[in-house]
Amino acid sequence: MIVGFIDQNRLTWGVEPICENLHIAPSTYHAEKAGRADPSKLSARRRRDADLRTHIQRVWDASGGRYGARKVWHDLKREGRRVARCTVERLMRQMGLVGVSRGHKSIRTTWSDPNNPTPEDLVQRDFHAEGPNQLWVADFTYVATWSGWVFVAFIIDAFAKTIVGWRASTKMTATLTLDALEQAIWARPVNAGLVHHSDHGSQYLAIRYSERLTDEGITPSAGTCRFLAMPATNS
């Protein structure tokens, strides 16, 4: 059932992000796919592609998810595997594997399903609050480092324009944003009527995240645009 779900949605979201939100390893998905295939019914090219996918996944996993097609191709060549770089690029696209880059190429940090119900936009880009703990704004970004990308989730109190909860990780997961929320709840009292505003990213619409807001009596709100950073204040 899980394999079928990933197959249906991998072109929209990619295999790795779906696996991270489902808390399964991408290699598990590909191993299950390979196990379901009948080798006797596969063409020579498909059999070779199936074998290459196993090695591509292994090299990519060993790199901590940092290698792009070029580095994966070089590693396969060092191992004595004769394969064209374009073949590695094609298979990695099919597998949803993407390496990190130190350049200016952007990374997509949100995956949303238009068929899923989303909270109403209660903010309408008006990030003004009359007092503390009335409006929390959650966002998700990334920073390039020499060892790869670092993803940062944070929650800002709209009145104080202060970060009240944050977490950083080398992977984009629903747990990362949930940990930032937990820190905000621990650090600040949850007032009646507190609104939590975010974009439509799957990290914020995940069941566990929505349930945690409900448990604390926090009203969810989701805007159609990414959060516009508020000006910093001197402290």
Protein backbone atom coordinates (compact mmCIF):
# COMPACT_ATOMS: atom_id res chain seq x y z
CA MET A 1 0.00 0.00 0.00
CA ILE A 2 2.81 2.41 0.89
CA VAL A 3 4.69 1.58 -2.31
CA GLY A 4 1.55 2.28 -4.33
CA PHE A 5 1.07 5.64 -2.59
CA ILE A 6 4.67 6.66 -3.32
CA ASP A 7 4.32 5.56 -6.95
CA GLN A 8 1.23 7.74 -7.37
CA ASN A 9 2.81 10.86 -5.86
CA ARG A 10 6.55 10.67 -6.52
CA LEU A 11 6.42 12.84 -9.65
CA THR A 12 4.73 15.59 -7.62
CA TRP A 13 6.75 15.48 -4.39
CA GLY A 14 9.71 13.17 -5.03
CA VAL A 15 10.48 9.83 -3.42
CA GLU A 16 12.78 11.10 -0.67
CA PRO A 17 10.47 13.79 0.81
CA ILE A 18 7.55 11.34 0.85
CA CYS A 19 9.68 8.69 2.58
CA GLU A 20 10.90 11.19 5.17
CA ASN A 21 7.34 12.20 6.06
CA LEU A 22 6.32 8.53 6.22
CA HIS A 23 9.44 7.76 8.30
CA ILE A 24 10.76 5.06 5.98
CA ALA A 25 14.11 4.89 4.20
CA PRO A 26 14.06 5.52 0.43
CA SER A 27 16.22 2.40 0.05
CA THR A 28 13.37 0.37 1.59
CA TYR A 29 10.99 1.64 -1.07
CA HIS A 30 13.39 0.85 -3.92
CA ALA A 31 14.19 -2.58 -2.47
CA GLU A 32 10.48 -3.37 -2.29
CA LYS A 33 10.01 -2.20 -5.87
CA ALA A 34 12.89 -4.35 -7.05
CA GLY A 35 11.51 -7.35 -5.17
CA ARG A 36 8.12 -7.03 -6.84
CA ALA A 37 9.58 -7.06 -10.35
CA ASP A 38 9.73 -10.33 -12.26
CA PRO A 39 13.25 -10.47 -13.78
CA SER A 40 12.12 -12.87 -16.51
CA LYS A 41 9.72 -10.23 -17.84
CA LEU A 42 12.20 -7.35 -17.84
CA SER A 43 14.09 -6.22 -20.92
CA ALA A 44 17.91 -6.13 -20.81
CA ARG A 45 17.83 -2.35 -20.34
CA ARG A 46 15.30 -2.54 -17.55
CA ARG A 47 17.29 -5.27 -15.81
CA ARG A 48 20.42 -3.09 -16.05
CA ASP A 49 18.51 -0.05 -14.80
CA ALA A 50 17.20 -2.05 -11.84
CA ASP A 51 20.76 -3.10 -10.97
CA LEU A 52 22.07 0.45 -11.37
CA ARG A 53 19.34 1.85 -9.15
CA THR A 54 20.57 -0.34 -6.32
CA HIS A 55 24.14 0.96 -6.66
CA ILE A 56 23.04 4.57 -7.18
CA GLN A 57 20.95 4.40 -4.01
CA ARG A 58 23.88 2.88 -2.10
CA VAL A 59 26.34 5.59 -3.22
CA TRP A 60 23.81 8.38 -2.60
CA ASP A 61 22.96 7.06 0.89
CA ALA A 62 26.67 6.75 1.73
CA SER A 63 27.10 10.44 0.85
CA GLY A 64 24.44 11.41 3.38
CA GLY A 65 22.17 12.52 0.55
CA ARG A 66 24.64 15.17 -0.60
CA TYR A 67 25.83 13.71 -3.92
CA GLY A 68 24.33 14.86 -7.18
CA ALA A 69 24.42 12.87 -10.42
CA ARG A 70 27.99 13.93 -11.30
CA LYS A 71 29.52 12.69 -8.04
CA VAL A 72 27.46 9.52 -8.02
CA TRP A 73 28.62 8.86 -11.60
CA HIS A 74 32.27 9.39 -10.63
CA ASP A 75 31.96 6.99 -7.69
CA LEU A 76 30.39 4.33 -9.89
CA LYS A 77 33.23 4.76 -12.41
CA ARG A 78 35.80 4.35 -9.61
CA GLU A 79 34.07 1.09 -8.71
CA GLY A 80 34.54 -0.09 -12.30
CA ARG A 81 30.91 0.27 -13.36
CA ARG A 82 30.59 1.43 -16.95
CA VAL A 83 27.59 3.75 -17.14
CA ALA A 84 26.89 7.02 -18.94
CA ARG A 85 26.43 10.12 -16.85
CA CYS A 86 23.10 10.84 -18.57
CA THR A 87 21.90 7.40 -17.46
CA VAL A 88 22.73 8.21 -13.84
CA GLU A 89 20.93 11.55 -14.18
CA ARG A 90 17.86 9.85 -15.67
CA LEU A 91 17.68 7.19 -12.98
CA MET A 92 18.22 9.67 -10.15
CA ARG A 93 15.37 11.78 -11.49
CA GLN A 94 13.13 8.72 -11.55
CA MET A 95 14.20 7.80 -8.01
CA GLY A 96 13.67 11.34 -6.70
CA LEU A 97 17.30 11.65 -5.56
CA VAL A 98 18.75 15.17 -5.53
CA GLY A 99 22.15 16.28 -4.27
CA VAL A 100 22.93 19.49 -2.43
CA SER A 101 24.63 22.43 -4.11
CA ARG A 102 26.76 25.31 -2.87
CA GLY A 103 25.55 27.51 -5.72
CA HIS A 104 22.48 29.71 -5.91
CA LYS A 105 20.03 27.03 -7.01
CA SER A 106 17.02 27.11 -4.73
CA ILE A 107 15.71 24.12 -2.81
CA ARG A 108 12.03 23.47 -2.58
CA THR A 109 11.08 23.37 1.11
CA THR A 110 7.34 22.86 0.73
CA TRP A 111 5.30 20.04 -0.74
CA SER A 112 1.56 20.54 -0.65
CA ASP A 113 -1.32 18.44 -1.93
CA PRO A 114 -4.08 20.60 -3.45
CA ASN A 115 -6.57 17.79 -2.76
CA ASN A 116 -6.01 17.92 1.00
CA PRO A 117 -8.12 20.29 3.12
CA THR A 118 -6.13 23.22 4.51
CA PRO A 119 -6.88 25.69 7.31
CA GLU A 120 -8.44 29.02 6.43
CA ASP A 121 -6.15 32.02 6.02
CA LEU A 122 -6.99 34.01 9.17
CA VAL A 123 -4.11 36.45 8.75
CA GLN A 124 -4.42 37.68 5.16
CA ARG A 125 -0.79 38.89 5.32
CA ASP A 126 -1.58 41.22 8.24
CA PHE A 127 1.10 40.17 10.74
CA HIS A 128 0.04 42.69 13.38
CA ALA A 129 -0.77 41.58 16.94
CA GLU A 130 -1.98 43.63 19.90
CA GLY A 131 -0.04 41.60 22.44
CA PRO A 132 2.32 38.64 22.89
CA ASN A 133 1.24 35.07 22.14
CA GLN A 134 -1.69 36.14 19.98
CA LEU A 135 -0.14 35.29 16.61
CA TRP A 136 2.71 32.90 15.92
CA VAL A 137 4.12 32.73 12.40
CA ALA A 138 5.97 29.55 11.39
CA ASP A 139 8.43 29.31 8.53
CA PHE A 140 11.01 26.94 7.10
CA THR A 141 14.23 27.85 5.34
CA TYR A 142 17.71 26.53 4.53
CA VAL A 143 21.31 27.72 4.78
CA ALA A 144 24.28 26.58 2.70
CA THR A 145 27.33 25.36 4.64
CA TRP A 146 30.57 23.75 3.51
CA SER A 147 29.30 20.35 4.60
CA GLY A 148 25.91 20.73 2.87
CA TRP A 149 22.52 22.32 3.45
CA VAL A 150 21.15 22.97 6.93
CA PHE A 151 17.38 23.28 7.21
CA VAL A 152 15.93 25.57 9.87
CA ALA A 153 12.36 25.68 11.18
CA PHE A 154 11.35 28.58 13.39
CA ILE A 155 8.31 30.23 14.97
CA ILE A 156 8.07 34.00 15.48
CA ASP A 157 5.81 35.88 17.86
CA ALA A 158 4.26 38.57 15.65
CA PHE A 159 3.96 41.08 18.51
CA ALA A 160 7.50 40.85 19.88
CA LYS A 161 9.00 39.94 16.45
CA THR A 162 11.08 37.40 18.35
CA ILE A 163 11.82 33.77 17.57
CA VAL A 164 10.13 31.72 20.29
CA GLY A 165 10.94 28.28 18.91
CA TRP A 166 13.43 26.88 16.42
CA ARG A 167 15.24 23.75 15.34
CA ALA A 168 17.93 22.98 12.74
CA SER A 169 18.71 19.74 10.92
CA THR A 170 20.44 18.41 7.81
CA LYS A 171 17.13 16.88 6.65
CA MET A 172 13.67 18.25 5.90
CA THR A 173 11.18 16.35 8.06
CA ALA A 174 7.88 16.92 9.81
CA THR A 175 9.69 16.17 13.07
CA LEU A 176 11.92 19.23 12.58
CA THR A 177 8.98 21.65 12.45
CA LEU A 178 7.20 19.81 15.27
CA ASP A 179 10.27 20.18 17.52
CA ALA A 180 10.30 23.93 16.86
CA LEU A 181 6.62 24.07 17.84
CA GLU A 182 7.29 22.10 21.03
CA GLN A 183 10.01 24.56 22.02
CA ALA A 184 7.66 27.51 21.46
CA ILE A 185 4.93 25.86 23.56
CA TRP A 186 7.44 25.15 26.33
CA ALA A 187 8.90 28.68 26.25
CA ARG A 188 5.69 30.69 25.98
CA PRO A 189 2.24 30.46 27.58
CA VAL A 190 -0.48 29.50 25.12
CA ASN A 191 -3.14 32.20 25.31
CA ALA A 192 -6.76 31.58 24.42
CA GLY A 193 -7.27 32.50 20.80
CA LEU A 194 -3.61 32.05 19.82
CA VAL A 195 -3.34 31.69 16.03
CA HIS A 196 -0.55 29.68 14.39
CA HIS A 197 0.05 30.80 10.79
CA SER A 198 2.14 28.95 8.19
CA ASP A 199 2.26 28.22 4.47
CA HIS A 200 0.76 25.12 2.86
CA GLY A 201 3.89 23.00 3.30
CA SER A 202 3.24 19.36 4.16
CA GLN A 203 5.44 19.76 7.26
CA TYR A 204 2.81 22.07 8.76
CA LEU A 205 -0.22 20.15 7.50
CA ALA A 206 1.05 16.80 8.79
CA ILE A 207 -1.39 14.96 11.05
CA ARG A 208 0.94 14.99 14.08
CA TYR A 209 1.53 18.73 13.72
CA SER A 210 -2.19 19.51 13.38
CA GLU A 211 -3.03 17.30 16.35
CA ARG A 212 -0.43 19.07 18.51
CA LEU A 213 -1.99 22.45 17.72
CA THR A 214 -5.42 21.07 18.61
CA ASP A 215 -4.12 19.60 21.89
CA GLU A 216 -2.92 23.06 22.96
CA GLY A 217 -6.04 24.88 21.76
CA ILE A 218 -4.08 26.76 19.08
CA THR A 219 -6.02 27.83 15.99
CA PRO A 220 -4.28 26.91 12.72
CA SER A 221 -4.10 29.33 9.78
CA ALA A 222 -2.47 28.76 6.38
CA GLY A 223 -1.63 31.41 3.82
CA THR A 224 -1.24 30.89 0.10
CA CYS A 225 2.12 32.70 0.08
CA ARG A 226 5.31 32.12 1.99
CA PHE A 227 5.77 34.19 5.12
CA LEU A 228 7.28 37.61 4.55
CA ALA A 229 10.04 38.08 7.12
CA MET A 230 9.29 40.79 9.68
CA PRO A 231 11.93 43.42 10.47
CA ALA A 232 14.31 42.61 13.30
CA THR A 233 14.20 44.64 16.50
CA ASN A 234 17.04 45.79 18.67
CA SER A 235 17.33 44.02 21.97
